[in-house]
Amino acid sequence: MADTEIRAEGVEATMSAGSSNADEIEGLSDKPKSFGQLAWERFFNHKLALVGAVGLVLIVAGFFIGPMFSEFEVGETNIPDREQGPSWTHPFGTDELGRDIFVRTAAGGRYSMLIGLTGALAATFLGTILGAIAGYFGKMVDNVVSQLINLVLIVPGIIILSMFALRFGSADGVVIPGTEIRFGGTWTSLGLVLALLSWVRIARVVRGVILQIKEQEYIMAARAAGASHGRIIFRHLLPNVLGAVAVEITLLVGSIIVLESTLSFLGLGVKPPDTSLGSLVADSKGDIDSDPLRVLMPGIWIVLIVLCVNFLGDGLRDALDPRSKAEGSGDDKKARKAAKKAAKKAAKEQARAGI
């Protein structure tokens, strides 16, 4: 009788523990969320990423839409109104030729962002292709690409860019002999040259991911089915690196904008009539004591653009990486806490019932 009563009490305690935890684990039987849904939730829970995304949208809108509300053109001069301070007519003031600094800052911001985007996309394309080829084929191909990466890393980029600027940096550029192709002297040429110095990071990231997944079962099955190397790389391998590549694009945009601003400040960037934020800082550096606002305005916009882009890149990295510290949304975290709490409570109840 005593043994029977003890068993009955144990069963009753276990049932009561299970019923008390039913509400806590109710949400665990819901349909699991897809990776895309979890990525969106992780991104929207990343406050800095949202700040970066909203800030970037506002900056781009200001650069492209703001000048529409001004009556002045980028190169329009007005000597009687030169070197004026901020006003309703000239929100950022005017320079030594009477040109509106607000309109010129917006134009410089557009060119800087276009250079950053052009360079980042070109670098991403080149780095992704070379990294995928090196990781997939390995051996001799991998050694050649790795040595090329090391060569680009050890040569100071500022020296290569300075040589490019001195050779092709005139406003008219240089015509390639025997053709009508004109190279240099434009923001597109500068963006492409910056891409040639910025592709190595993406190549290393893509190569590392390809090395991890190229021996998985579905890749081996594709080889056994007779799929070509190109089909395996572009159809089966590259889709798996899109998350990492998306993060690297955003980070590259900020890096290229800073590098372009440095070159323009040194007088080696875009040439008139084009302009950029770095060239605006260079043009006004002589007036930093008498008119610091002319230097600060384009410099502040450079800082804000780079900060917003980096915040956005951090958010994308956390959202697209399942192993990130910021995994899961608020609901997922609550569900994990509820499951852990329910497991601990059930273990305690079972231990009491066994005693």
Protein backbone atom coordinates (compact mmCIF):
# COMPACT_ATOMS: atom_id res chain seq x y z
CA MET A 1 0.00 0.00 0.00
CA ALA A 2 2.79 2.44 0.92
CA ASP A 3 4.59 1.84 -2.42
CA THR A 4 1.34 2.33 -4.32
CA GLU A 5 0.63 5.62 -2.52
CA ILE A 6 4.17 6.87 -3.25
CA ARG A 7 3.80 6.05 -6.97
CA ALA A 8 0.41 7.74 -7.09
CA GLU A 9 1.81 10.85 -5.44
CA GLY A 10 4.70 10.88 -7.93
CA VAL A 11 2.37 10.58 -10.91
CA GLU A 12 0.10 13.28 -9.50
CA ALA A 13 3.07 15.65 -8.91
CA THR A 14 4.36 15.05 -12.41
CA MET A 15 0.94 15.76 -13.92
CA SER A 16 0.55 18.93 -11.88
CA ALA A 17 4.00 20.10 -12.97
CA GLY A 18 3.13 19.43 -16.59
CA SER A 19 -0.17 21.31 -16.34
CA SER A 20 1.45 24.28 -14.58
CA ASN A 21 4.06 24.56 -17.35
CA ALA A 22 1.56 24.20 -20.20
CA ASP A 23 1.08 27.93 -20.55
CA GLU A 24 4.83 28.57 -20.54
CA ILE A 25 5.61 26.16 -23.36
CA GLU A 26 2.47 26.87 -25.38
CA GLY A 27 4.33 29.04 -27.87
CA LEU A 28 7.01 26.41 -28.52
CA SER A 29 4.75 24.34 -30.78
CA ASP A 30 4.19 27.22 -33.21
CA LYS A 31 5.37 26.92 -36.79
CA PRO A 32 9.11 27.76 -36.96
CA LYS A 33 10.00 31.01 -38.68
CA SER A 34 12.02 31.07 -41.87
CA PHE A 35 15.55 32.45 -41.99
CA GLY A 36 14.30 35.50 -43.87
CA GLN A 37 11.70 36.28 -41.19
CA LEU A 38 14.25 35.86 -38.41
CA ALA A 39 16.72 38.07 -40.30
CA TRP A 40 14.15 40.86 -40.66
CA GLU A 41 13.25 40.62 -36.96
CA ARG A 42 16.89 40.67 -35.91
CA PHE A 43 17.49 43.70 -38.14
CA PHE A 44 14.50 45.64 -36.79
CA ASN A 45 15.59 44.85 -33.23
CA HIS A 46 19.02 46.31 -33.95
CA LYS A 47 18.58 49.97 -32.95
CA LEU A 48 21.82 51.25 -34.44
CA ALA A 49 21.01 49.60 -37.77
CA LEU A 50 17.65 51.35 -37.87
CA VAL A 51 19.30 54.66 -37.02
CA GLY A 52 21.83 54.09 -39.81
CA ALA A 53 19.18 53.13 -42.37
CA VAL A 54 16.89 56.07 -41.56
CA GLY A 55 19.82 58.48 -41.42
CA LEU A 56 21.15 57.28 -44.77
CA VAL A 57 17.74 57.68 -46.42
CA LEU A 58 17.44 61.22 -45.06
CA ILE A 59 20.96 62.14 -46.20
CA VAL A 60 20.39 60.80 -49.71
CA ALA A 61 17.05 62.59 -49.91
CA GLY A 62 18.70 65.82 -48.76
CA PHE A 63 21.47 65.54 -51.35
CA PHE A 64 19.15 64.81 -54.27
CA ILE A 65 16.00 66.72 -53.34
CA GLY A 66 17.37 69.62 -51.30
CA PRO A 67 18.93 71.56 -54.21
CA MET A 68 15.57 71.57 -56.00
CA PHE A 69 14.34 74.12 -53.46
CA SER A 70 17.30 76.42 -54.10
CA GLU A 71 17.39 79.02 -56.84
CA PHE A 72 21.15 78.67 -57.33
CA GLU A 73 23.19 76.32 -59.51
CA VAL A 74 26.33 74.44 -58.49
CA GLY A 75 28.77 76.62 -60.43
CA GLU A 76 26.80 79.86 -60.32
CA THR A 77 28.95 82.74 -59.07
CA ASN A 78 27.78 85.97 -57.45
CA ILE A 79 30.71 88.17 -56.42
CA PRO A 80 28.64 90.76 -54.49
CA ASP A 81 27.37 87.98 -52.17
CA ARG A 82 30.72 86.29 -51.61
CA GLU A 83 31.81 84.95 -48.20
CA GLN A 84 28.45 85.48 -46.55
CA GLY A 85 27.34 83.60 -43.47
CA PRO A 86 24.31 81.26 -43.21
CA SER A 87 20.97 82.85 -44.07
CA TRP A 88 17.56 81.87 -45.45
CA THR A 89 18.84 82.51 -48.96
CA HIS A 90 22.13 80.64 -48.42
CA PRO A 91 21.62 78.06 -45.61
CA PHE A 92 25.36 77.21 -45.42
CA GLY A 93 26.63 80.61 -46.61
CA THR A 94 28.69 81.38 -49.72
CA ASP A 95 32.33 80.89 -50.72
CA GLU A 96 34.91 83.35 -52.05
CA LEU A 97 33.20 83.42 -55.48
CA GLY A 98 29.69 83.83 -54.12
CA ARG A 99 28.70 80.24 -54.87
CA ASP A 100 26.05 78.69 -52.61
CA ILE A 101 27.77 76.23 -50.24
CA PHE A 102 24.56 74.29 -49.60
CA VAL A 103 24.10 73.46 -53.28
CA ARG A 104 27.79 72.63 -53.69
CA THR A 105 27.74 70.40 -50.58
CA ALA A 106 24.73 68.52 -51.92
CA ALA A 107 26.45 68.06 -55.30
CA GLY A 108 29.66 66.93 -53.59
CA GLY A 109 27.70 64.48 -51.44
CA ARG A 110 26.06 62.99 -54.52
CA TYR A 111 29.40 62.48 -56.23
CA SER A 112 30.99 61.03 -53.07
CA MET A 113 28.16 58.54 -52.62
CA LEU A 114 28.19 57.62 -56.32
CA ILE A 115 31.96 57.02 -56.13
CA GLY A 116 31.53 54.91 -52.99
CA LEU A 117 28.70 52.87 -54.51
CA THR A 118 30.47 52.39 -57.85
CA GLY A 119 33.69 51.33 -56.18
CA ALA A 120 31.90 48.99 -53.74
CA LEU A 121 29.88 47.25 -56.47
CA ALA A 122 32.90 46.83 -58.75
CA ALA A 123 35.06 45.58 -55.88
CA THR A 124 32.31 43.17 -54.81
CA PHE A 125 31.97 41.74 -58.32
CA LEU A 126 35.73 41.25 -58.74
CA GLY A 127 36.33 39.95 -55.21
CA THR A 128 33.39 37.55 -55.30
CA ILE A 129 34.43 35.99 -58.61
CA LEU A 130 38.10 35.61 -57.66
CA GLY A 131 37.30 34.38 -54.14
CA ALA A 132 34.83 31.79 -55.44
CA ILE A 133 37.26 30.51 -58.07
CA ALA A 134 40.11 30.28 -55.55
CA GLY A 135 37.99 28.50 -52.95
CA TYR A 136 36.39 26.07 -55.36
CA PHE A 137 39.38 24.95 -57.44
CA GLY A 138 42.04 25.24 -54.71
CA LYS A 139 45.62 24.13 -55.30
CA MET A 140 47.39 26.18 -57.98
CA VAL A 141 44.47 28.56 -58.61
CA ASP A 142 44.12 29.23 -54.90
CA ASN A 143 47.85 29.91 -54.59
CA VAL A 144 47.81 32.39 -57.49
CA VAL A 145 44.81 34.31 -56.13
CA SER A 146 46.24 34.28 -52.60
CA GLN A 147 49.55 35.69 -53.82
CA LEU A 148 47.68 38.37 -55.79
CA ILE A 149 45.77 39.29 -52.62
CA ASN A 150 49.03 39.54 -50.66
CA LEU A 151 50.55 41.71 -53.39
CA VAL A 152 47.64 44.17 -53.26
CA LEU A 153 47.79 44.25 -49.45
CA ILE A 154 51.50 44.97 -49.15
CA VAL A 155 51.58 47.81 -51.72
CA PRO A 156 50.39 51.08 -50.12
CA GLY A 157 47.18 52.06 -51.86
CA ILE A 158 47.83 55.77 -51.57
CA ILE A 159 50.95 55.42 -53.76
CA ILE A 160 49.03 53.64 -56.52
CA LEU A 161 46.22 56.18 -56.36
CA SER A 162 48.66 59.07 -56.47
CA MET A 163 50.32 57.62 -59.58
CA PHE A 164 46.92 57.17 -61.19
CA ALA A 165 45.91 60.74 -60.35
CA LEU A 166 49.13 62.17 -61.76
CA ARG A 167 48.84 60.15 -64.98
CA PHE A 168 45.10 60.25 -65.63
CA GLY A 169 43.89 62.96 -63.28
CA SER A 170 43.53 65.88 -65.68
CA ALA A 171 40.05 67.19 -66.25
CA ASP A 172 40.05 65.85 -69.83
CA GLY A 173 41.57 62.49 -69.00
CA VAL A 174 43.76 60.52 -71.41
CA VAL A 175 42.70 58.95 -74.69
CA ILE A 176 43.83 55.35 -75.10
CA PRO A 177 46.04 55.20 -78.25
CA GLY A 178 44.32 53.81 -81.32
CA THR A 179 40.83 54.23 -79.83
CA GLU A 180 38.37 56.93 -78.91
CA ILE A 181 38.10 55.68 -75.34
CA ARG A 182 38.84 58.39 -72.79
CA PHE A 183 40.08 57.25 -69.38
CA GLY A 184 40.53 59.32 -66.24
CA GLY A 185 39.37 62.75 -65.19
CA THR A 186 35.91 61.57 -64.03
CA TRP A 187 34.38 60.20 -60.84
CA THR A 188 33.65 56.87 -62.55
CA SER A 189 37.35 56.31 -63.31
CA LEU A 190 38.25 57.13 -59.72
CA GLY A 191 35.58 54.74 -58.42
CA LEU A 192 36.90 51.89 -60.58
CA VAL A 193 40.48 52.47 -59.48
CA LEU A 194 39.40 52.48 -55.84
CA ALA A 195 37.62 49.18 -56.53
CA LEU A 196 40.88 47.63 -57.79
CA LEU A 197 42.39 48.31 -54.36
CA SER A 198 39.36 47.27 -52.29
CA TRP A 199 38.36 43.84 -53.61
CA VAL A 200 40.75 41.77 -51.49
CA ARG A 201 38.63 41.75 -48.32
CA ILE A 202 35.57 40.40 -50.10
CA ALA A 203 37.71 37.84 -51.95
CA ARG A 204 39.04 36.49 -48.64
CA VAL A 205 35.55 36.31 -47.11
CA VAL A 206 34.06 34.52 -50.14
CA ARG A 207 37.03 32.14 -50.37
CA GLY A 208 36.63 31.17 -46.72
CA VAL A 209 32.90 30.45 -47.08
CA ILE A 210 33.41 28.43 -50.27
CA LEU A 211 36.11 26.32 -48.60
CA GLN A 212 33.65 25.43 -45.85
CA ILE A 213 30.73 24.39 -48.03
CA LYS A 214 32.28 22.98 -51.21
CA GLU A 215 32.55 19.46 -49.75
CA GLN A 216 28.96 19.25 -48.54
CA GLU A 217 26.62 16.54 -49.80
CA TYR A 218 24.59 18.64 -52.21
CA ILE A 219 27.75 19.91 -53.93
CA MET A 220 29.06 16.35 -54.26
CA ALA A 221 25.67 15.29 -55.65
CA ALA A 222 25.82 18.08 -58.25
CA ARG A 223 29.28 16.90 -59.31
CA ALA A 224 28.07 13.30 -59.55
CA ALA A 225 25.13 14.48 -61.69
CA GLY A 226 27.58 15.98 -64.19
CA ALA A 227 27.06 19.66 -63.40
CA SER A 228 29.75 21.92 -64.83
CA HIS A 229 32.11 23.92 -62.63
CA GLY A 230 30.43 27.17 -63.64
CA ARG A 231 26.98 25.84 -62.74
CA ILE A 232 28.17 24.62 -59.35
CA ILE A 233 29.86 27.94 -58.55
CA PHE A 234 27.09 30.27 -59.72
CA ARG A 235 24.05 28.10 -58.95
CA HIS A 236 25.01 26.27 -55.75
CA LEU A 237 27.92 28.05 -54.05
CA LEU A 238 27.53 31.79 -54.61
CA PRO A 239 23.94 31.97 -53.26
CA ASN A 240 25.35 30.85 -49.91
CA VAL A 241 27.69 33.84 -49.68
CA LEU A 242 25.14 36.54 -50.50
CA GLY A 243 24.64 37.38 -46.83
CA ALA A 244 28.34 37.95 -46.20
CA VAL A 245 28.70 39.86 -49.47
CA ALA A 246 25.77 42.16 -48.61
CA VAL A 247 27.47 43.09 -45.35
CA GLU A 248 30.82 43.73 -47.03
CA ILE A 249 29.23 46.02 -49.65
CA THR A 250 27.94 48.39 -46.99
CA LEU A 251 31.26 48.46 -45.16
CA LEU A 252 33.13 49.02 -48.43
CA VAL A 253 31.00 52.03 -49.33
CA GLY A 254 32.13 53.82 -46.18
CA SER A 255 35.78 52.87 -46.67
CA ILE A 256 35.83 54.05 -50.30
CA ILE A 257 34.14 57.35 -49.43
CA VAL A 258 36.82 58.03 -46.80
CA LEU A 259 39.61 57.08 -49.21
CA GLU A 260 38.17 59.27 -51.97
CA SER A 261 37.82 62.18 -49.54
CA THR A 262 41.47 61.76 -48.57
CA LEU A 263 42.57 61.85 -52.21
CA SER A 264 40.39 64.86 -52.98
CA PHE A 265 41.77 66.68 -49.95
CA LEU A 266 45.27 66.06 -51.33
CA GLY A 267 44.18 67.42 -54.71
CA LEU A 268 44.25 64.00 -56.37
CA GLY A 269 40.53 63.31 -56.52
CA VAL A 270 37.80 64.40 -58.90
CA LYS A 271 38.49 67.43 -61.09
CA PRO A 272 36.28 70.44 -61.90
CA PRO A 273 33.54 70.81 -62.92
CA ASP A 274 32.84 67.69 -60.83
CA THR A 275 33.19 68.01 -57.08
CA SER A 276 33.05 65.90 -53.95
CA LEU A 277 32.92 66.40 -50.20
CA GLY A 278 36.68 65.88 -49.94
CA SER A 279 37.40 68.46 -52.63
CA LEU A 280 35.12 70.96 -50.88
CA VAL A 281 37.15 70.52 -47.70
CA ALA A 282 40.36 70.98 -49.69
CA ASP A 283 39.06 74.16 -51.36
CA SER A 284 38.15 75.76 -48.05
CA LYS A 285 41.06 74.61 -45.86
CA GLY A 286 42.80 77.98 -46.23
CA ASP A 287 39.83 79.74 -44.59
CA ILE A 288 39.55 77.46 -41.58
CA ASP A 289 40.46 80.29 -39.19
CA SER A 290 38.25 82.99 -40.69
CA ASP A 291 35.34 80.81 -41.87
CA PRO A 292 35.43 77.37 -40.18
CA LEU A 293 31.87 76.57 -41.27
CA ARG A 294 33.03 76.08 -44.87
CA VAL A 295 35.36 73.30 -43.73
CA LEU A 296 33.08 71.79 -41.11
CA MET A 297 29.95 71.34 -43.24
CA PRO A 298 31.35 68.90 -45.84
CA GLY A 299 33.47 67.23 -43.15
CA ILE A 300 30.43 66.63 -40.94
CA TRP A 301 28.54 65.08 -43.84
CA ILE A 302 31.44 62.71 -44.53
CA VAL A 303 31.38 61.57 -40.90
CA LEU A 304 27.59 61.15 -40.87
CA ILE A 305 27.55 59.14 -44.11
CA VAL A 306 30.29 56.78 -42.92
CA LEU A 307 28.64 56.32 -39.51
CA CYS A 308 25.24 55.53 -41.03
CA VAL A 309 26.74 53.08 -43.53
CA ASN A 310 28.74 51.30 -40.81
CA PHE A 311 25.70 51.09 -38.51
CA LEU A 312 23.71 49.61 -41.38
CA GLY A 313 26.51 47.11 -42.10
CA ASP A 314 26.65 46.02 -38.45
CA GLY A 315 22.91 45.45 -38.46
CA LEU A 316 23.02 43.40 -41.64
CA ARG A 317 25.88 41.32 -40.27
CA ASP A 318 23.95 40.50 -37.09
CA ALA A 319 20.73 39.86 -39.01
CA LEU A 320 22.19 37.59 -41.70
CA ASP A 321 24.53 35.62 -39.43
CA PRO A 322 22.63 32.88 -37.51
CA ARG A 323 25.60 32.51 -35.15
CA SER A 324 25.52 36.19 -34.20
CA LYS A 325 25.25 37.24 -30.57
CA ALA A 326 22.14 39.16 -31.44
CA GLU A 327 20.28 36.04 -32.58
CA GLY A 328 16.55 35.88 -32.57
CA SER A 329 13.77 38.34 -32.04
CA GLY A 330 12.10 39.28 -28.78
CA ASP A 331 9.55 36.46 -29.18
CA ASP A 332 12.32 33.90 -29.75
CA LYS A 333 14.15 35.03 -26.62
CA LYS A 334 10.96 34.78 -24.55
CA ALA A 335 10.30 31.31 -25.91
CA ARG A 336 13.81 30.15 -25.03
CA LYS A 337 13.47 31.57 -21.51
CA ALA A 338 10.09 29.88 -21.07
CA ALA A 339 11.49 26.55 -22.25
CA LYS A 340 14.47 26.78 -19.91
CA LYS A 341 12.27 27.74 -16.95
CA ALA A 342 9.80 24.94 -17.70
CA ALA A 343 12.59 22.37 -17.93
CA LYS A 344 14.07 23.43 -14.58
CA LYS A 345 10.66 23.36 -12.86
CA ALA A 346 9.80 19.94 -14.27
CA ALA A 347 13.17 18.57 -13.13
CA LYS A 348 12.58 19.85 -9.57
CA GLU A 349 9.07 18.35 -9.44
CA GLN A 350 10.32 15.01 -10.71
CA ALA A 351 13.13 15.02 -8.15
CA ARG A 352 10.62 15.65 -5.35
CA ALA A 353 8.36 12.90 -6.65
CA GLY A 354 11.27 10.47 -6.76
CA ILE A 355 12.22 11.28 -3.16
